[in-house]
Amino acid sequence: MVRIDGPQWFRALVVDADGPVRIVTMNRPESLNAADAVMHRELAEVWDLLAGDPECRAVVLTGAGRAFSAGGDLPRMVATQKDQAIQDEVFDEARKTVLGMLGLPQPLIAAVNGPAVGLGASLAALCDLAIASETAYLADPHLGVGLVPADGAALLWPMIMGLMRAKEYIFTGARIPASTAQEWGLVNKVVPAGEALSSALALAHTLAQQPARALRDTKRVMNLHATRALVGMLDQALACERASVNSLEHAERTRQLVEASRARAATRSG
């Protein structure tokens, strides 16, 4: 494999070339690949880089370590509450990530190697195909911290698994095990632990052998419904989430998370 660096030298993402396949790895394993400011920005930037890569025929997205992504980073969440300029940045990046993934010309496969939570669940839903480890699960706990989930799962899950079922799991934040996710169409295949990436790579290389122009045009046609629906709803959904970022209930839930995090750290150090 060959390491590829982005125009600003990616720090939280790793981009590798495996022949015609590009592997994007969220690389903060110590935090279960929670998206801090750097990763959030790079997730908004990487798709344009890949779209313009003439040698790239398929893309795999995965996480380093034992998680796909645990979602949002708590310090970044706190900073977003306190600074309107950071909010501008965060919501612009969220919009770019959604549109960049939907508009990526090449097929995009999620290798869900472990938990995909919050933003992680959104990223998996925005991929064209998904291979999940049997130990993985999906969950969207935005509501539990007083946030409107705007940038992926809440918009796509109703189209994939039905409105009432999606409401149940968005409203409660309950986990969806990999086997259930496959049954409901949220992932294509479930594989033994440790095999999600290799299985996704095998599929990516199969797709890379297809006629490139025909595959890209077919993807665009098949994505028309989701693209039109999401583009029509995205700005309104992001505005709702931004309002929830500034709510008292989100501030209180975040304060509780910070206190719990500090207590866990004190217990470990003691």
C-alpha atoms as a PDB file:
ATOM      1  CA  MET A   1       0.000   0.000   0.000  1.00  0.00           C
ATOM      2  CA  VAL A   2       1.023   3.601  -0.601  1.00  0.00           C
ATOM      3  CA  ARG A   3       0.260   6.419   1.857  1.00  0.00           C
ATOM      4  CA  ILE A   4      -1.449   9.453   0.307  1.00  0.00           C
ATOM      5  CA  ASP A   5      -1.293  12.880   1.927  1.00  0.00           C
ATOM      6  CA  GLY A   6      -3.973  15.475   1.459  1.00  0.00           C
ATOM      7  CA  PRO A   7      -3.287  19.083   0.532  1.00  0.00           C
ATOM      8  CA  GLN A   8      -3.039  19.966   4.242  1.00  0.00           C
ATOM      9  CA  TRP A   9      -1.329  16.765   5.392  1.00  0.00           C
ATOM     10  CA  PHE A  10      -4.048  14.743   7.045  1.00  0.00           C
ATOM     11  CA  ARG A  11      -3.456  14.139  10.737  1.00  0.00           C
ATOM     12  CA  ALA A  12      -6.627  12.405  11.971  1.00  0.00           C
ATOM     13  CA  LEU A  13      -7.300  10.503   8.754  1.00  0.00           C
ATOM     14  CA  VAL A  14      -4.984   8.098   6.976  1.00  0.00           C
ATOM     15  CA  VAL A  15      -5.464   7.649   3.224  1.00  0.00           C
ATOM     16  CA  ASP A  16      -3.801   4.625   1.620  1.00  0.00           C
ATOM     17  CA  ALA A  17      -3.755   3.406  -1.974  1.00  0.00           C
ATOM     18  CA  ASP A  18      -4.190  -0.315  -2.601  1.00  0.00           C
ATOM     19  CA  GLY A  19      -3.913  -0.337  -6.376  1.00  0.00           C
ATOM     20  CA  PRO A  20      -7.071   1.378  -7.673  1.00  0.00           C
ATOM     21  CA  VAL A  21      -8.721   1.321  -4.233  1.00  0.00           C
ATOM     22  CA  ARG A  22      -8.332   4.099  -1.681  1.00  0.00           C
ATOM     23  CA  ILE A  23      -8.661   3.288   2.040  1.00  0.00           C
ATOM     24  CA  VAL A  24      -9.690   6.143   4.331  1.00  0.00           C
ATOM     25  CA  THR A  25      -9.028   5.268   7.978  1.00  0.00           C
ATOM     26  CA  MET A  26     -10.309   7.365  10.872  1.00  0.00           C
ATOM     27  CA  ASN A  27      -7.199   7.248  13.004  1.00  0.00           C
ATOM     28  CA  ARG A  28      -7.924   8.231  16.620  1.00  0.00           C
ATOM     29  CA  PRO A  29      -8.146   4.737  18.126  1.00  0.00           C
ATOM     30  CA  GLU A  30      -7.448   5.972  21.662  1.00  0.00           C
ATOM     31  CA  SER A  31     -10.778   7.864  21.548  1.00  0.00           C
ATOM     32  CA  LEU A  32     -12.610   5.198  19.513  1.00  0.00           C
ATOM     33  CA  ASN A  33     -12.262   7.482  16.486  1.00  0.00           C
ATOM     34  CA  ALA A  34     -14.446  10.211  17.934  1.00  0.00           C
ATOM     35  CA  ALA A  35     -14.293  13.226  15.632  1.00  0.00           C
ATOM     36  CA  ASP A  36     -12.302  16.074  17.156  1.00  0.00           C
ATOM     37  CA  ALA A  37     -11.873  19.395  15.333  1.00  0.00           C
ATOM     38  CA  VAL A  38      -9.132  18.014  13.068  1.00  0.00           C
ATOM     39  CA  MET A  39     -10.956  14.846  12.072  1.00  0.00           C
ATOM     40  CA  HIS A  40     -14.232  16.688  11.520  1.00  0.00           C
ATOM     41  CA  ARG A  41     -12.500  19.113   9.152  1.00  0.00           C
ATOM     42  CA  GLU A  42     -10.634  16.365   7.315  1.00  0.00           C
ATOM     43  CA  LEU A  43     -13.844  14.347   6.837  1.00  0.00           C
ATOM     44  CA  ALA A  44     -15.206  17.397   5.026  1.00  0.00           C
ATOM     45  CA  GLU A  45     -12.102  17.716   2.828  1.00  0.00           C
ATOM     46  CA  VAL A  46     -11.145  14.172   1.874  1.00  0.00           C
ATOM     47  CA  TRP A  47     -13.977  13.466  -0.576  1.00  0.00           C
ATOM     48  CA  ASP A  48     -12.966  16.214  -3.020  1.00  0.00           C
ATOM     49  CA  LEU A  49      -9.416  14.847  -2.942  1.00  0.00           C
ATOM     50  CA  LEU A  50     -10.660  11.361  -3.827  1.00  0.00           C
ATOM     51  CA  ALA A  51     -13.136  12.582  -6.442  1.00  0.00           C
ATOM     52  CA  GLY A  52     -10.255  14.261  -8.259  1.00  0.00           C
ATOM     53  CA  ASP A  53      -7.924  11.245  -8.092  1.00  0.00           C
ATOM     54  CA  PRO A  54      -7.807   9.837 -11.659  1.00  0.00           C
ATOM     55  CA  GLU A  55      -6.414   6.481 -10.475  1.00  0.00           C
ATOM     56  CA  CYS A  56      -9.074   5.911  -7.813  1.00  0.00           C
ATOM     57  CA  ARG A  57     -11.818   3.451  -8.790  1.00  0.00           C
ATOM     58  CA  ALA A  58     -13.349   2.618  -5.387  1.00  0.00           C
ATOM     59  CA  VAL A  59     -13.065   3.827  -1.777  1.00  0.00           C
ATOM     60  CA  VAL A  60     -13.263   2.050   1.586  1.00  0.00           C
ATOM     61  CA  LEU A  61     -13.951   3.951   4.824  1.00  0.00           C
ATOM     62  CA  THR A  62     -13.017   2.330   8.144  1.00  0.00           C
ATOM     63  CA  GLY A  63     -11.788   3.037  11.669  1.00  0.00           C
ATOM     64  CA  ALA A  64      -8.495   2.237  13.375  1.00  0.00           C
ATOM     65  CA  GLY A  65      -8.564  -0.022  16.411  1.00  0.00           C
ATOM     66  CA  ARG A  66     -11.731  -1.564  17.800  1.00  0.00           C
ATOM     67  CA  ALA A  67     -14.308   1.031  16.703  1.00  0.00           C
ATOM     68  CA  PHE A  68     -15.570   2.457  13.435  1.00  0.00           C
ATOM     69  CA  SER A  69     -16.362   5.772  15.143  1.00  0.00           C
ATOM     70  CA  ALA A  70     -17.775   6.710  18.536  1.00  0.00           C
ATOM     71  CA  GLY A  71     -19.217   9.912  17.056  1.00  0.00           C
ATOM     72  CA  GLY A  72     -18.600  13.385  18.405  1.00  0.00           C
ATOM     73  CA  ASP A  73     -15.674  14.429  20.575  1.00  0.00           C
ATOM     74  CA  LEU A  74     -16.759  15.811  23.980  1.00  0.00           C
ATOM     75  CA  PRO A  75     -14.275  18.735  24.157  1.00  0.00           C
ATOM     76  CA  ARG A  76     -15.296  19.807  20.646  1.00  0.00           C
ATOM     77  CA  MET A  77     -18.953  19.542  21.682  1.00  0.00           C
ATOM     78  CA  VAL A  78     -18.335  21.902  24.599  1.00  0.00           C
ATOM     79  CA  ALA A  79     -16.387  24.356  22.429  1.00  0.00           C
ATOM     80  CA  THR A  80     -19.172  24.357  19.852  1.00  0.00           C
ATOM     81  CA  GLN A  81     -21.685  25.415  22.477  1.00  0.00           C
ATOM     82  CA  LYS A  82     -19.599  28.385  23.564  1.00  0.00           C
ATOM     83  CA  ASP A  83     -18.379  29.882  20.287  1.00  0.00           C
ATOM     84  CA  GLN A  84     -20.593  30.922  17.374  1.00  0.00           C
ATOM     85  CA  ALA A  85     -17.599  30.982  15.011  1.00  0.00           C
ATOM     86  CA  ILE A  86     -16.886  27.349  15.840  1.00  0.00           C
ATOM     87  CA  GLN A  87     -20.558  26.571  15.210  1.00  0.00           C
ATOM     88  CA  ASP A  88     -20.273  28.153  11.752  1.00  0.00           C
ATOM     89  CA  GLU A  89     -17.249  25.963  11.073  1.00  0.00           C
ATOM     90  CA  VAL A  90     -18.804  22.751  12.415  1.00  0.00           C
ATOM     91  CA  PHE A  91     -22.053  23.045  10.478  1.00  0.00           C
ATOM     92  CA  ASP A  92     -20.312  24.066   7.260  1.00  0.00           C
ATOM     93  CA  GLU A  93     -18.100  20.988   7.602  1.00  0.00           C
ATOM     94  CA  ALA A  94     -21.114  18.765   8.312  1.00  0.00           C
ATOM     95  CA  ARG A  95     -22.823  19.965   5.149  1.00  0.00           C
ATOM     96  CA  LYS A  96     -19.658  19.426   3.083  1.00  0.00           C
ATOM     97  CA  THR A  97     -19.223  15.908   4.472  1.00  0.00           C
ATOM     98  CA  VAL A  98     -22.774  14.844   3.608  1.00  0.00           C
ATOM     99  CA  LEU A  99     -22.701  16.335   0.111  1.00  0.00           C
ATOM    100  CA  GLY A 100     -19.139  15.146  -0.500  1.00  0.00           C
ATOM    101  CA  MET A 101     -19.990  11.549   0.358  1.00  0.00           C
ATOM    102  CA  LEU A 102     -23.221  11.560  -1.626  1.00  0.00           C
ATOM    103  CA  GLY A 103     -21.519  13.167  -4.603  1.00  0.00           C
ATOM    104  CA  LEU A 104     -18.384  11.024  -4.583  1.00  0.00           C
ATOM    105  CA  PRO A 105     -18.188   9.552  -8.109  1.00  0.00           C
ATOM    106  CA  GLN A 106     -16.559   6.299  -7.036  1.00  0.00           C
ATOM    107  CA  PRO A 107     -18.398   3.609  -5.064  1.00  0.00           C
ATOM    108  CA  LEU A 108     -17.851   4.070  -1.324  1.00  0.00           C
ATOM    109  CA  ILE A 109     -17.854   1.050   1.020  1.00  0.00           C
ATOM    110  CA  ALA A 110     -17.966   1.225   4.814  1.00  0.00           C
ATOM    111  CA  ALA A 111     -15.885  -1.398   6.636  1.00  0.00           C
ATOM    112  CA  VAL A 112     -17.715  -1.167   9.968  1.00  0.00           C
ATOM    113  CA  ASN A 113     -15.096  -2.852  12.119  1.00  0.00           C
ATOM    114  CA  GLY A 114     -16.747  -1.967  15.441  1.00  0.00           C
ATOM    115  CA  PRO A 115     -19.283   0.390  17.025  1.00  0.00           C
ATOM    116  CA  ALA A 116     -20.636   3.101  14.717  1.00  0.00           C
ATOM    117  CA  VAL A 117     -22.254   5.662  16.986  1.00  0.00           C
ATOM    118  CA  GLY A 118     -23.697   9.111  16.253  1.00  0.00           C
ATOM    119  CA  LEU A 119     -21.545  10.571  13.505  1.00  0.00           C
ATOM    120  CA  GLY A 120     -20.186   7.050  12.949  1.00  0.00           C
ATOM    121  CA  ALA A 121     -23.678   5.746  12.183  1.00  0.00           C
ATOM    122  CA  SER A 122     -24.230   8.693   9.832  1.00  0.00           C
ATOM    123  CA  LEU A 123     -20.987   8.011   7.968  1.00  0.00           C
ATOM    124  CA  ALA A 124     -21.926   4.350   7.504  1.00  0.00           C
ATOM    125  CA  ALA A 125     -25.380   5.315   6.215  1.00  0.00           C
ATOM    126  CA  LEU A 126     -23.866   7.764   3.707  1.00  0.00           C
ATOM    127  CA  CYS A 127     -21.749   5.023   2.100  1.00  0.00           C
ATOM    128  CA  ASP A 128     -23.022   3.089  -0.918  1.00  0.00           C
ATOM    129  CA  LEU A 129     -22.378  -0.314   0.671  1.00  0.00           C
ATOM    130  CA  ALA A 130     -21.391  -1.532   4.119  1.00  0.00           C
ATOM    131  CA  ILE A 131     -19.654  -4.627   5.488  1.00  0.00           C
ATOM    132  CA  ALA A 132     -19.940  -5.005   9.270  1.00  0.00           C
ATOM    133  CA  SER A 133     -18.083  -7.074  11.814  1.00  0.00           C
ATOM    134  CA  GLU A 134     -20.327  -9.366  13.828  1.00  0.00           C
ATOM    135  CA  THR A 135     -19.200  -7.431  16.916  1.00  0.00           C
ATOM    136  CA  ALA A 136     -20.273  -4.068  15.477  1.00  0.00           C
ATOM    137  CA  TYR A 137     -23.445  -2.165  16.194  1.00  0.00           C
ATOM    138  CA  LEU A 138     -25.070   1.076  15.039  1.00  0.00           C
ATOM    139  CA  ALA A 139     -26.613   3.683  17.317  1.00  0.00           C
ATOM    140  CA  ASP A 140     -27.577   7.334  17.145  1.00  0.00           C
ATOM    141  CA  PRO A 141     -27.698   8.838  20.668  1.00  0.00           C
ATOM    142  CA  HIS A 142     -27.991  12.519  19.648  1.00  0.00           C
ATOM    143  CA  LEU A 143     -31.348  12.958  21.371  1.00  0.00           C
ATOM    144  CA  GLY A 144     -29.942  11.642  24.625  1.00  0.00           C
ATOM    145  CA  VAL A 145     -27.620  14.656  24.821  1.00  0.00           C
ATOM    146  CA  GLY A 146     -30.294  17.115  23.720  1.00  0.00           C
ATOM    147  CA  LEU A 147     -29.270  17.348  20.075  1.00  0.00           C
ATOM    148  CA  VAL A 148     -31.219  17.052  16.835  1.00  0.00           C
ATOM    149  CA  PRO A 149     -29.469  14.426  14.644  1.00  0.00           C
ATOM    150  CA  ALA A 150     -29.209  16.252  11.343  1.00  0.00           C
ATOM    151  CA  ASP A 151     -26.376  15.016   9.167  1.00  0.00           C
ATOM    152  CA  GLY A 152     -27.041  11.443   8.143  1.00  0.00           C
ATOM    153  CA  ALA A 153     -28.732   8.617  10.005  1.00  0.00           C
ATOM    154  CA  ALA A 154     -31.934  10.461  10.953  1.00  0.00           C
ATOM    155  CA  LEU A 155     -32.405  11.483   7.317  1.00  0.00           C
ATOM    156  CA  LEU A 156     -31.383   8.197   5.679  1.00  0.00           C
ATOM    157  CA  TRP A 157     -32.580   5.492   8.073  1.00  0.00           C
ATOM    158  CA  PRO A 158     -36.307   6.122   7.329  1.00  0.00           C
ATOM    159  CA  MET A 159     -35.642   5.508   3.623  1.00  0.00           C
ATOM    160  CA  ILE A 160     -33.697   2.341   4.361  1.00  0.00           C
ATOM    161  CA  MET A 161     -35.580   0.578   7.160  1.00  0.00           C
ATOM    162  CA  GLY A 162     -38.934   2.334   7.359  1.00  0.00           C
ATOM    163  CA  LEU A 163     -40.137   5.445   9.166  1.00  0.00           C
ATOM    164  CA  MET A 164     -41.609   3.946  12.335  1.00  0.00           C
ATOM    165  CA  ARG A 165     -38.655   1.644  12.967  1.00  0.00           C
ATOM    166  CA  ALA A 166     -36.212   4.496  12.330  1.00  0.00           C
ATOM    167  CA  LYS A 167     -38.112   6.719  14.761  1.00  0.00           C
ATOM    168  CA  GLU A 168     -37.863   4.056  17.458  1.00  0.00           C
ATOM    169  CA  TYR A 169     -34.072   3.854  17.222  1.00  0.00           C
ATOM    170  CA  ILE A 170     -33.495   7.582  16.724  1.00  0.00           C
ATOM    171  CA  PHE A 171     -35.836   8.522  19.585  1.00  0.00           C
ATOM    172  CA  THR A 172     -34.331   5.993  22.022  1.00  0.00           C
ATOM    173  CA  GLY A 173     -30.713   5.840  20.860  1.00  0.00           C
ATOM    174  CA  ALA A 174     -30.858   2.052  21.226  1.00  0.00           C
ATOM    175  CA  ARG A 175     -28.167  -0.096  19.648  1.00  0.00           C
ATOM    176  CA  ILE A 176     -28.798  -1.992  16.423  1.00  0.00           C
ATOM    177  CA  PRO A 177     -26.645  -5.166  16.393  1.00  0.00           C
ATOM    178  CA  ALA A 178     -24.851  -5.990  13.157  1.00  0.00           C
ATOM    179  CA  SER A 179     -27.117  -8.957  12.368  1.00  0.00           C
ATOM    180  CA  THR A 180     -30.224  -6.811  12.795  1.00  0.00           C
ATOM    181  CA  ALA A 181     -28.670  -4.026  10.738  1.00  0.00           C
ATOM    182  CA  GLN A 182     -28.198  -6.517   7.914  1.00  0.00           C
ATOM    183  CA  GLU A 183     -31.784  -7.735   8.206  1.00  0.00           C
ATOM    184  CA  TRP A 184     -33.055  -4.153   7.940  1.00  0.00           C
ATOM    185  CA  GLY A 185     -30.805  -3.156   5.048  1.00  0.00           C
ATOM    186  CA  LEU A 186     -28.439  -0.878   6.960  1.00  0.00           C
ATOM    187  CA  VAL A 187     -25.460  -3.076   6.048  1.00  0.00           C
ATOM    188  CA  ASN A 188     -25.000  -5.523   3.184  1.00  0.00           C
ATOM    189  CA  LYS A 189     -23.061  -8.260   4.911  1.00  0.00           C
ATOM    190  CA  VAL A 190     -21.892  -9.333   8.370  1.00  0.00           C
ATOM    191  CA  VAL A 191     -18.519 -11.052   8.695  1.00  0.00           C
ATOM    192  CA  PRO A 192     -16.488 -12.530  11.581  1.00  0.00           C
ATOM    193  CA  ALA A 193     -14.642 -10.146  13.883  1.00  0.00           C
ATOM    194  CA  GLY A 194     -11.486  -8.814  12.276  1.00  0.00           C
ATOM    195  CA  GLU A 195     -12.640  -9.422   8.694  1.00  0.00           C
ATOM    196  CA  ALA A 196     -14.653  -6.284   7.904  1.00  0.00           C
ATOM    197  CA  LEU A 197     -11.790  -4.436   6.230  1.00  0.00           C
ATOM    198  CA  SER A 198     -10.507  -7.389   4.205  1.00  0.00           C
ATOM    199  CA  SER A 199     -14.053  -8.190   3.026  1.00  0.00           C
ATOM    200  CA  ALA A 200     -14.703  -4.560   2.110  1.00  0.00           C
ATOM    201  CA  LEU A 201     -11.390  -4.411   0.229  1.00  0.00           C
ATOM    202  CA  ALA A 202     -12.249  -7.548  -1.723  1.00  0.00           C
ATOM    203  CA  LEU A 203     -15.579  -6.010  -2.725  1.00  0.00           C
ATOM    204  CA  ALA A 204     -13.894  -2.698  -3.598  1.00  0.00           C
ATOM    205  CA  HIS A 205     -11.421  -4.452  -5.892  1.00  0.00           C
ATOM    206  CA  THR A 206     -14.297  -6.281  -7.588  1.00  0.00           C
ATOM    207  CA  LEU A 207     -16.043  -2.961  -8.212  1.00  0.00           C
ATOM    208  CA  ALA A 208     -12.787  -1.399  -9.387  1.00  0.00           C
ATOM    209  CA  GLN A 209     -12.774  -3.872 -12.299  1.00  0.00           C
ATOM    210  CA  GLN A 210     -16.152  -2.668 -13.575  1.00  0.00           C
ATOM    211  CA  PRO A 211     -16.253  -0.128 -16.436  1.00  0.00           C
ATOM    212  CA  ALA A 212     -15.583   3.102 -14.538  1.00  0.00           C
ATOM    213  CA  ARG A 213     -17.862   5.482 -16.434  1.00  0.00           C
ATOM    214  CA  ALA A 214     -20.820   3.100 -16.408  1.00  0.00           C
ATOM    215  CA  LEU A 215     -20.385   2.378 -12.691  1.00  0.00           C
ATOM    216  CA  ARG A 216     -20.183   6.052 -11.758  1.00  0.00           C
ATOM    217  CA  ASP A 217     -23.223   6.964 -13.846  1.00  0.00           C
ATOM    218  CA  THR A 218     -25.176   4.027 -12.415  1.00  0.00           C
ATOM    219  CA  LYS A 219     -24.315   5.118  -8.883  1.00  0.00           C
ATOM    220  CA  ARG A 220     -25.458   8.660  -9.658  1.00  0.00           C
ATOM    221  CA  VAL A 221     -28.759   7.447 -11.092  1.00  0.00           C
ATOM    222  CA  MET A 222     -29.424   5.094  -8.169  1.00  0.00           C
ATOM    223  CA  ASN A 223     -28.606   7.873  -5.692  1.00  0.00           C
ATOM    224  CA  LEU A 224     -30.996  10.395  -7.272  1.00  0.00           C
ATOM    225  CA  HIS A 225     -33.819   9.767  -4.811  1.00  0.00           C
ATOM    226  CA  ALA A 226     -31.612   9.952  -1.721  1.00  0.00           C
ATOM    227  CA  THR A 227     -29.659  12.936  -3.058  1.00  0.00           C
ATOM    228  CA  ARG A 228     -32.760  14.955  -3.863  1.00  0.00           C
ATOM    229  CA  ALA A 229     -34.359  14.098  -0.548  1.00  0.00           C
ATOM    230  CA  LEU A 230     -31.257  14.925   1.473  1.00  0.00           C
ATOM    231  CA  VAL A 231     -30.405  18.144  -0.341  1.00  0.00           C
ATOM    232  CA  GLY A 232     -33.972  19.309   0.197  1.00  0.00           C
ATOM    233  CA  MET A 233     -33.900  18.525   3.919  1.00  0.00           C
ATOM    234  CA  LEU A 234     -30.286  19.050   4.899  1.00  0.00           C
ATOM    235  CA  ASP A 235     -30.194  22.791   5.518  1.00  0.00           C
ATOM    236  CA  GLN A 236     -33.389  22.701   7.559  1.00  0.00           C
ATOM    237  CA  ALA A 237     -32.111  19.733   9.577  1.00  0.00           C
ATOM    238  CA  LEU A 238     -28.769  21.423  10.244  1.00  0.00           C
ATOM    239  CA  ALA A 239     -30.565  24.593  11.345  1.00  0.00           C
ATOM    240  CA  CYS A 240     -32.585  22.517  13.820  1.00  0.00           C
ATOM    241  CA  GLU A 241     -29.439  20.864  15.141  1.00  0.00           C
ATOM    242  CA  ARG A 242     -27.718  24.227  15.514  1.00  0.00           C
ATOM    243  CA  ALA A 243     -30.674  25.499  17.542  1.00  0.00           C
ATOM    244  CA  SER A 244     -30.389  22.433  19.776  1.00  0.00           C
ATOM    245  CA  VAL A 245     -26.647  23.078  20.264  1.00  0.00           C
ATOM    246  CA  ASN A 246     -27.626  26.387  21.883  1.00  0.00           C
ATOM    247  CA  SER A 247     -30.349  24.897  24.083  1.00  0.00           C
ATOM    248  CA  LEU A 248     -30.267  24.717  27.872  1.00  0.00           C
ATOM    249  CA  GLU A 249     -31.043  20.998  27.848  1.00  0.00           C
ATOM    250  CA  HIS A 250     -28.008  20.265  25.666  1.00  0.00           C
ATOM    251  CA  ALA A 251     -25.819  22.402  27.938  1.00  0.00           C
ATOM    252  CA  GLU A 252     -27.037  20.447  30.966  1.00  0.00           C
ATOM    253  CA  ARG A 253     -26.571  17.028  29.358  1.00  0.00           C
ATOM    254  CA  THR A 254     -23.089  18.024  28.222  1.00  0.00           C
ATOM    255  CA  ARG A 255     -22.202  19.220  31.738  1.00  0.00           C
ATOM    256  CA  GLN A 256     -23.251  15.812  33.064  1.00  0.00           C
ATOM    257  CA  LEU A 257     -21.071  14.055  30.473  1.00  0.00           C
ATOM    258  CA  VAL A 258     -18.074  16.210  31.380  1.00  0.00           C
ATOM    259  CA  GLU A 259     -18.527  15.463  35.075  1.00  0.00           C
ATOM    260  CA  ALA A 260     -18.878  11.741  34.407  1.00  0.00           C
ATOM    261  CA  SER A 261     -15.746  11.797  32.253  1.00  0.00           C
ATOM    262  CA  ARG A 262     -13.784  13.542  34.984  1.00  0.00           C
ATOM    263  CA  ALA A 263     -15.012  11.059  37.580  1.00  0.00           C
ATOM    264  CA  ARG A 264     -13.908   8.120  35.423  1.00  0.00           C
ATOM    265  CA  ALA A 265     -10.502   9.734  34.915  1.00  0.00           C
ATOM    266  CA  ALA A 266     -10.125  10.295  38.651  1.00  0.00           C
ATOM    267  CA  THR A 267     -11.034   6.679  39.366  1.00  0.00           C
ATOM    268  CA  ARG A 268      -8.450   5.415  36.875  1.00  0.00           C
ATOM    269  CA  SER A 269      -5.717   7.668  38.236  1.00  0.00           C
ATOM    270  CA  GLY A 270      -6.562   6.713  41.825  1.00  0.00           C
END
